[in-house]
Amino acid sequence: MKILAVADEESKSLWDYYEAEKLTGYDLIISCGDLKAEYLEFLVTMVKCPVLYIPGNHDSKYVKNPPQGCINIDGRVFIHNGVRIFGLGGCMKYKPGPYMYTEKEMRKRIRKAKKTIITHGGVDILVTHAPAKGQGDLEDLPHQGFECFCELMDRVKPVYMLHGHVHGSYSWNFKRIREYKSGTTIVNAFDKCDIDYDDNKRSEVTGGKLFKNLWGAFW
């Protein structure tokens, strides 16, 4: 399954200098946040596949005007061609806003999603706006990652974690792909990034073992 992951900045290559062949062959598009609704609506119009999204910290306009024709996966599991995709929007709280969360509040959001994660037997792709703690985040509060994302990966072991929020221009040593200790491949989707998902790969934790693992840190 070929996935186009996007985040943070609208790609001029895809939008300003659109050519049909640039958006050919994708099975799924996933937005990791902080993108104009008009951009996502453009993508879903031009590509014959679903466009999934979560809100970033700058997406307060989504509250009243969400991207039309796209699927909000914030706080829910969405299944596409058998692949289980779970989304958690927002970033570390540094000011008031609809998509700002403290570590405690984000952990509560994961706890609230426990039932749906267990019901679906796990998560193959974890989609977040903010990174996980120590996995490509920065030291300043607005760009710090969530520790509970690490704990979720430790227990659910998704094949991929896709995130945005930390732009490629923020650091001279920007790293798009990281390998997490659980076996999860972490991808910073800033701008745009192609992912060739192996349909045979699945989250390793299922059934009773999943329930037992999830019961620990969050509940």
C-alpha atoms as a PDB file:
ATOM      1  CA  MET A   1       0.000   0.000   0.000  1.00  0.00           C
ATOM      2  CA  LYS A   2       1.454   3.329  -1.047  1.00  0.00           C
ATOM      3  CA  ILE A   3       0.833   6.154   1.435  1.00  0.00           C
ATOM      4  CA  LEU A   4       1.449   9.869   1.065  1.00  0.00           C
ATOM      5  CA  ALA A   5       2.086  11.441   4.475  1.00  0.00           C
ATOM      6  CA  VAL A   6       1.904  15.239   4.744  1.00  0.00           C
ATOM      7  CA  ALA A   7       2.310  17.763   7.559  1.00  0.00           C
ATOM      8  CA  ASP A   8       3.011  21.365   8.585  1.00  0.00           C
ATOM      9  CA  GLU A   9       3.628  23.058   5.233  1.00  0.00           C
ATOM     10  CA  GLU A  10       1.588  22.762   2.055  1.00  0.00           C
ATOM     11  CA  SER A  11       3.820  21.229  -0.599  1.00  0.00           C
ATOM     12  CA  LYS A  12       4.372  23.683  -3.440  1.00  0.00           C
ATOM     13  CA  SER A  13       5.289  20.758  -5.647  1.00  0.00           C
ATOM     14  CA  LEU A  14       1.854  19.208  -5.176  1.00  0.00           C
ATOM     15  CA  TRP A  15      -0.306  22.331  -4.869  1.00  0.00           C
ATOM     16  CA  ASP A  16       1.251  25.359  -6.590  1.00  0.00           C
ATOM     17  CA  TYR A  17       2.863  23.302  -9.342  1.00  0.00           C
ATOM     18  CA  TYR A  18       0.281  20.554  -9.583  1.00  0.00           C
ATOM     19  CA  GLU A  19       0.750  17.821 -12.154  1.00  0.00           C
ATOM     20  CA  ALA A  20      -1.564  14.806 -12.157  1.00  0.00           C
ATOM     21  CA  GLU A  21       1.270  12.270 -12.275  1.00  0.00           C
ATOM     22  CA  LYS A  22       2.636  13.567  -8.963  1.00  0.00           C
ATOM     23  CA  LEU A  23      -0.481  12.279  -7.212  1.00  0.00           C
ATOM     24  CA  THR A  24      -0.842   9.011  -9.090  1.00  0.00           C
ATOM     25  CA  GLY A  25      -0.675   5.575  -7.506  1.00  0.00           C
ATOM     26  CA  TYR A  26      -1.462   6.429  -3.887  1.00  0.00           C
ATOM     27  CA  ASP A  27      -3.781   4.186  -1.878  1.00  0.00           C
ATOM     28  CA  LEU A  28      -4.069   6.535   1.096  1.00  0.00           C
ATOM     29  CA  ILE A  29      -3.117  10.066   2.164  1.00  0.00           C
ATOM     30  CA  ILE A  30      -2.505  10.854   5.841  1.00  0.00           C
ATOM     31  CA  SER A  31      -2.199  14.384   7.211  1.00  0.00           C
ATOM     32  CA  CYS A  32      -0.333  14.794  10.491  1.00  0.00           C
ATOM     33  CA  GLY A  33      -1.679  18.297  11.080  1.00  0.00           C
ATOM     34  CA  ASP A  34      -1.096  22.034  10.631  1.00  0.00           C
ATOM     35  CA  LEU A  35      -2.294  22.126   7.044  1.00  0.00           C
ATOM     36  CA  LYS A  36      -4.933  24.349   5.477  1.00  0.00           C
ATOM     37  CA  ALA A  37      -8.323  22.729   5.036  1.00  0.00           C
ATOM     38  CA  GLU A  38      -8.276  23.932   1.428  1.00  0.00           C
ATOM     39  CA  TYR A  39      -5.083  21.968   0.801  1.00  0.00           C
ATOM     40  CA  LEU A  40      -6.550  18.725   2.131  1.00  0.00           C
ATOM     41  CA  GLU A  41      -9.728  19.337   0.132  1.00  0.00           C
ATOM     42  CA  PHE A  42      -7.572  19.803  -2.965  1.00  0.00           C
ATOM     43  CA  LEU A  43      -5.797  16.506  -2.321  1.00  0.00           C
ATOM     44  CA  VAL A  44      -9.003  14.525  -1.757  1.00  0.00           C
ATOM     45  CA  THR A  45     -10.427  15.995  -4.965  1.00  0.00           C
ATOM     46  CA  MET A  46      -7.385  15.199  -7.097  1.00  0.00           C
ATOM     47  CA  VAL A  47      -6.566  11.747  -5.725  1.00  0.00           C
ATOM     48  CA  LYS A  48      -8.914   8.788  -5.860  1.00  0.00           C
ATOM     49  CA  CYS A  49      -8.224   7.572  -2.333  1.00  0.00           C
ATOM     50  CA  PRO A  50      -9.230   8.507   1.238  1.00  0.00           C
ATOM     51  CA  VAL A  51      -7.548  11.439   2.957  1.00  0.00           C
ATOM     52  CA  LEU A  52      -7.241  10.937   6.720  1.00  0.00           C
ATOM     53  CA  TYR A  53      -6.268  13.751   9.066  1.00  0.00           C
ATOM     54  CA  ILE A  54      -5.687  14.795  12.631  1.00  0.00           C
ATOM     55  CA  PRO A  55      -5.565  18.421  13.836  1.00  0.00           C
ATOM     56  CA  GLY A  56      -2.304  20.163  14.627  1.00  0.00           C
ATOM     57  CA  ASN A  57      -1.894  22.925  17.190  1.00  0.00           C
ATOM     58  CA  HIS A  58      -2.523  25.581  14.509  1.00  0.00           C
ATOM     59  CA  ASP A  59      -5.704  23.969  13.182  1.00  0.00           C
ATOM     60  CA  SER A  60      -8.248  25.756  15.393  1.00  0.00           C
ATOM     61  CA  LYS A  61     -10.224  26.618  12.234  1.00  0.00           C
ATOM     62  CA  TYR A  62     -11.018  22.916  11.913  1.00  0.00           C
ATOM     63  CA  VAL A  63     -13.422  23.248  14.837  1.00  0.00           C
ATOM     64  CA  LYS A  64     -15.945  25.165  12.708  1.00  0.00           C
ATOM     65  CA  ASN A  65     -14.625  24.467   9.225  1.00  0.00           C
ATOM     66  CA  PRO A  66     -13.064  20.997   8.967  1.00  0.00           C
ATOM     67  CA  PRO A  67     -11.650  19.875   5.608  1.00  0.00           C
ATOM     68  CA  GLN A  68     -14.590  18.656   3.556  1.00  0.00           C
ATOM     69  CA  GLY A  69     -14.468  15.168   2.085  1.00  0.00           C
ATOM     70  CA  CYS A  70     -11.669  14.104   4.443  1.00  0.00           C
ATOM     71  CA  ILE A  71     -11.832  11.722   7.413  1.00  0.00           C
ATOM     72  CA  ASN A  72     -10.972  12.881  10.929  1.00  0.00           C
ATOM     73  CA  ILE A  73      -9.241  10.058  12.826  1.00  0.00           C
ATOM     74  CA  ASP A  74      -8.445  12.052  15.968  1.00  0.00           C
ATOM     75  CA  GLY A  75      -9.073   9.723  18.906  1.00  0.00           C
ATOM     76  CA  ARG A  76     -10.363   6.856  16.798  1.00  0.00           C
ATOM     77  CA  VAL A  77      -9.219   3.786  14.900  1.00  0.00           C
ATOM     78  CA  PHE A  78      -9.848   3.773  11.153  1.00  0.00           C
ATOM     79  CA  ILE A  79      -9.344   0.634   9.077  1.00  0.00           C
ATOM     80  CA  HIS A  80      -8.228   0.856   5.451  1.00  0.00           C
ATOM     81  CA  ASN A  81      -7.600  -2.350   3.517  1.00  0.00           C
ATOM     82  CA  GLY A  82      -7.169  -4.164   6.828  1.00  0.00           C
ATOM     83  CA  VAL A  83      -4.613  -1.675   8.180  1.00  0.00           C
ATOM     84  CA  ARG A  84      -5.566  -0.233  11.581  1.00  0.00           C
ATOM     85  CA  ILE A  85      -4.775   3.483  11.861  1.00  0.00           C
ATOM     86  CA  PHE A  86      -5.146   5.427  15.119  1.00  0.00           C
ATOM     87  CA  GLY A  87      -4.856   9.211  15.411  1.00  0.00           C
ATOM     88  CA  LEU A  88      -4.011  11.645  18.222  1.00  0.00           C
ATOM     89  CA  GLY A  89      -3.907  15.311  17.243  1.00  0.00           C
ATOM     90  CA  GLY A  90      -2.507  18.310  19.089  1.00  0.00           C
ATOM     91  CA  CYS A  91       0.743  19.180  20.823  1.00  0.00           C
ATOM     92  CA  MET A  92       2.131  20.002  24.248  1.00  0.00           C
ATOM     93  CA  LYS A  93       0.111  22.784  25.859  1.00  0.00           C
ATOM     94  CA  TYR A  94       1.966  26.103  25.757  1.00  0.00           C
ATOM     95  CA  LYS A  95      -1.066  28.399  25.452  1.00  0.00           C
ATOM     96  CA  PRO A  96      -4.879  28.067  25.415  1.00  0.00           C
ATOM     97  CA  GLY A  97      -6.281  26.335  22.367  1.00  0.00           C
ATOM     98  CA  PRO A  98      -8.546  23.484  21.261  1.00  0.00           C
ATOM     99  CA  TYR A  99      -5.645  21.178  20.360  1.00  0.00           C
ATOM    100  CA  MET A 100      -3.264  21.823  23.262  1.00  0.00           C
ATOM    101  CA  TYR A 101      -2.681  19.118  25.884  1.00  0.00           C
ATOM    102  CA  THR A 102      -0.596  18.543  28.965  1.00  0.00           C
ATOM    103  CA  GLU A 103       1.095  15.179  29.353  1.00  0.00           C
ATOM    104  CA  LYS A 104      -1.674  14.193  31.765  1.00  0.00           C
ATOM    105  CA  GLU A 105      -4.403  15.254  29.352  1.00  0.00           C
ATOM    106  CA  MET A 106      -2.880  13.348  26.428  1.00  0.00           C
ATOM    107  CA  ARG A 107      -2.538  10.264  28.601  1.00  0.00           C
ATOM    108  CA  LYS A 108      -6.230  10.622  29.444  1.00  0.00           C
ATOM    109  CA  ARG A 109      -7.046  10.722  25.729  1.00  0.00           C
ATOM    110  CA  ILE A 110      -5.189   7.447  25.218  1.00  0.00           C
ATOM    111  CA  ARG A 111      -7.003   5.954  28.185  1.00  0.00           C
ATOM    112  CA  LYS A 112     -10.323   6.987  26.648  1.00  0.00           C
ATOM    113  CA  ALA A 113      -9.378   5.174  23.430  1.00  0.00           C
ATOM    114  CA  LYS A 114      -8.484   1.950  25.262  1.00  0.00           C
ATOM    115  CA  LYS A 115     -11.680   0.144  24.338  1.00  0.00           C
ATOM    116  CA  THR A 116     -11.514   0.884  20.633  1.00  0.00           C
ATOM    117  CA  ILE A 117      -7.814  -0.071  20.446  1.00  0.00           C
ATOM    118  CA  ILE A 118      -8.486  -3.376  22.183  1.00  0.00           C
ATOM    119  CA  THR A 119     -11.614  -4.034  20.116  1.00  0.00           C
ATOM    120  CA  HIS A 120      -9.583  -3.691  16.929  1.00  0.00           C
ATOM    121  CA  GLY A 121      -6.785  -5.872  18.290  1.00  0.00           C
ATOM    122  CA  GLY A 122      -4.092  -3.207  18.098  1.00  0.00           C
ATOM    123  CA  VAL A 123      -2.796  -0.418  15.881  1.00  0.00           C
ATOM    124  CA  ASP A 124      -0.647  -0.756  12.762  1.00  0.00           C
ATOM    125  CA  ILE A 125      -0.092   2.959  12.122  1.00  0.00           C
ATOM    126  CA  LEU A 126      -0.078   5.551  14.914  1.00  0.00           C
ATOM    127  CA  VAL A 127      -0.670   9.073  13.589  1.00  0.00           C
ATOM    128  CA  THR A 128       0.131  12.062  15.815  1.00  0.00           C
ATOM    129  CA  HIS A 129       0.941  15.720  15.330  1.00  0.00           C
ATOM    130  CA  ALA A 130       3.537  16.022  18.087  1.00  0.00           C
ATOM    131  CA  PRO A 131       6.461  13.588  18.273  1.00  0.00           C
ATOM    132  CA  ALA A 132       7.136  11.120  21.045  1.00  0.00           C
ATOM    133  CA  LYS A 133       9.426  12.187  23.891  1.00  0.00           C
ATOM    134  CA  GLY A 134      13.062  11.898  22.864  1.00  0.00           C
ATOM    135  CA  GLN A 135      12.195  10.863  19.315  1.00  0.00           C
ATOM    136  CA  GLY A 136      12.871  13.926  17.208  1.00  0.00           C
ATOM    137  CA  ASP A 137      11.315  16.461  19.558  1.00  0.00           C
ATOM    138  CA  LEU A 138      12.967  19.708  20.737  1.00  0.00           C
ATOM    139  CA  GLU A 139      13.745  21.149  24.165  1.00  0.00           C
ATOM    140  CA  ASP A 140      11.337  24.109  24.062  1.00  0.00           C
ATOM    141  CA  LEU A 141       7.904  23.434  25.559  1.00  0.00           C
ATOM    142  CA  PRO A 142       5.870  23.901  22.339  1.00  0.00           C
ATOM    143  CA  HIS A 143       7.915  21.222  20.562  1.00  0.00           C
ATOM    144  CA  GLN A 144       8.462  18.743  23.372  1.00  0.00           C
ATOM    145  CA  GLY A 145       7.196  15.233  22.694  1.00  0.00           C
ATOM    146  CA  PHE A 146       4.802  13.160  24.792  1.00  0.00           C
ATOM    147  CA  GLU A 147       6.142  10.393  27.007  1.00  0.00           C
ATOM    148  CA  CYS A 148       2.791   8.593  26.769  1.00  0.00           C
ATOM    149  CA  PHE A 149       3.365   8.130  23.022  1.00  0.00           C
ATOM    150  CA  CYS A 150       6.499   6.125  23.865  1.00  0.00           C
ATOM    151  CA  GLU A 151       4.529   4.026  26.343  1.00  0.00           C
ATOM    152  CA  LEU A 152       1.814   3.419  23.756  1.00  0.00           C
ATOM    153  CA  MET A 153       4.387   2.243  21.202  1.00  0.00           C
ATOM    154  CA  ASP A 154       5.983  -0.010  23.827  1.00  0.00           C
ATOM    155  CA  ARG A 155       2.664  -1.756  24.369  1.00  0.00           C
ATOM    156  CA  VAL A 156       0.878  -1.691  21.021  1.00  0.00           C
ATOM    157  CA  LYS A 157       4.011  -1.922  18.820  1.00  0.00           C
ATOM    158  CA  PRO A 158       2.638  -0.227  15.702  1.00  0.00           C
ATOM    159  CA  VAL A 159       4.532  -0.798  12.457  1.00  0.00           C
ATOM    160  CA  TYR A 160       4.734   2.968  11.884  1.00  0.00           C
ATOM    161  CA  MET A 161       4.327   6.165  13.856  1.00  0.00           C
ATOM    162  CA  LEU A 162       3.753   9.213  11.652  1.00  0.00           C
ATOM    163  CA  HIS A 163       4.018  12.726  13.089  1.00  0.00           C
ATOM    164  CA  GLY A 164       4.703  16.330  12.134  1.00  0.00           C
ATOM    165  CA  HIS A 165       5.128  19.512  14.219  1.00  0.00           C
ATOM    166  CA  VAL A 166       8.951  19.629  14.061  1.00  0.00           C
ATOM    167  CA  HIS A 167       9.718  21.287  10.731  1.00  0.00           C
ATOM    168  CA  GLY A 168      12.697  20.354   8.635  1.00  0.00           C
ATOM    169  CA  SER A 169      13.904  23.958   8.861  1.00  0.00           C
ATOM    170  CA  TYR A 170      14.079  23.879  12.671  1.00  0.00           C
ATOM    171  CA  SER A 171      17.347  21.987  12.783  1.00  0.00           C
ATOM    172  CA  TRP A 172      20.398  21.552  10.556  1.00  0.00           C
ATOM    173  CA  ASN A 173      20.389  17.816  11.294  1.00  0.00           C
ATOM    174  CA  PHE A 174      16.723  17.119  10.551  1.00  0.00           C
ATOM    175  CA  LYS A 175      16.096  13.374  10.584  1.00  0.00           C
ATOM    176  CA  ARG A 176      12.998  12.097   8.803  1.00  0.00           C
ATOM    177  CA  ILE A 177      13.128   8.427   9.813  1.00  0.00           C
ATOM    178  CA  ARG A 178      13.937   6.889  13.191  1.00  0.00           C
ATOM    179  CA  GLU A 179      13.753   3.336  14.476  1.00  0.00           C
ATOM    180  CA  TYR A 180      12.153   3.011  17.916  1.00  0.00           C
ATOM    181  CA  LYS A 181      13.117   0.234  20.332  1.00  0.00           C
ATOM    182  CA  SER A 182       9.696  -1.452  20.030  1.00  0.00           C
ATOM    183  CA  GLY A 183      10.382  -2.045  16.334  1.00  0.00           C
ATOM    184  CA  THR A 184       8.225   0.890  15.248  1.00  0.00           C
ATOM    185  CA  THR A 185       9.513   3.027  12.383  1.00  0.00           C
ATOM    186  CA  ILE A 186       8.937   6.707  13.234  1.00  0.00           C
ATOM    187  CA  VAL A 187       8.491   9.073  10.296  1.00  0.00           C
ATOM    188  CA  ASN A 188       8.431  12.872  10.459  1.00  0.00           C
ATOM    189  CA  ALA A 189       6.002  13.714   7.649  1.00  0.00           C
ATOM    190  CA  PHE A 190       7.017  17.394   7.337  1.00  0.00           C
ATOM    191  CA  ASP A 191       6.049  18.711   3.897  1.00  0.00           C
ATOM    192  CA  LYS A 192       5.482  15.334   2.218  1.00  0.00           C
ATOM    193  CA  CYS A 193       6.833  11.822   2.427  1.00  0.00           C
ATOM    194  CA  ASP A 194       6.115   8.565   0.571  1.00  0.00           C
ATOM    195  CA  ILE A 195       5.660   5.380   2.575  1.00  0.00           C
ATOM    196  CA  ASP A 196       5.486   1.935   1.027  1.00  0.00           C
ATOM    197  CA  TYR A 197       3.540  -0.004   3.636  1.00  0.00           C
ATOM    198  CA  ASP A 198       4.003  -3.780   3.615  1.00  0.00           C
ATOM    199  CA  ASP A 199       0.458  -5.162   3.846  1.00  0.00           C
ATOM    200  CA  ASN A 200       1.816  -8.297   5.517  1.00  0.00           C
ATOM    201  CA  LYS A 201       3.149  -6.374   8.522  1.00  0.00           C
ATOM    202  CA  ARG A 202       0.893  -6.154  11.548  1.00  0.00           C
ATOM    203  CA  SER A 203       1.100  -4.855  15.092  1.00  0.00           C
ATOM    204  CA  GLU A 204       2.674  -7.688  17.096  1.00  0.00           C
ATOM    205  CA  VAL A 205       0.439  -7.422  20.143  1.00  0.00           C
ATOM    206  CA  THR A 206      -3.024  -8.938  19.834  1.00  0.00           C
ATOM    207  CA  GLY A 207      -5.853 -10.440  21.849  1.00  0.00           C
ATOM    208  CA  GLY A 208      -5.409 -11.075  25.558  1.00  0.00           C
ATOM    209  CA  LYS A 209      -1.758 -10.081  25.476  1.00  0.00           C
ATOM    210  CA  LEU A 210      -2.750  -6.666  24.127  1.00  0.00           C
ATOM    211  CA  PHE A 211      -5.271  -6.169  26.918  1.00  0.00           C
ATOM    212  CA  LYS A 212      -2.725  -7.139  29.565  1.00  0.00           C
ATOM    213  CA  ASN A 213      -0.070  -4.798  28.139  1.00  0.00           C
ATOM    214  CA  LEU A 214      -2.416  -1.863  27.778  1.00  0.00           C
ATOM    215  CA  TRP A 215      -3.737  -2.283  31.292  1.00  0.00           C
ATOM    216  CA  GLY A 216      -0.430  -1.201  32.830  1.00  0.00           C
ATOM    217  CA  ALA A 217       0.638   2.372  32.138  1.00  0.00           C
ATOM    218  CA  PHE A 218      -2.652   4.023  31.281  1.00  0.00           C
ATOM    219  CA  TRP A 219      -5.327   2.312  33.417  1.00  0.00           C
END
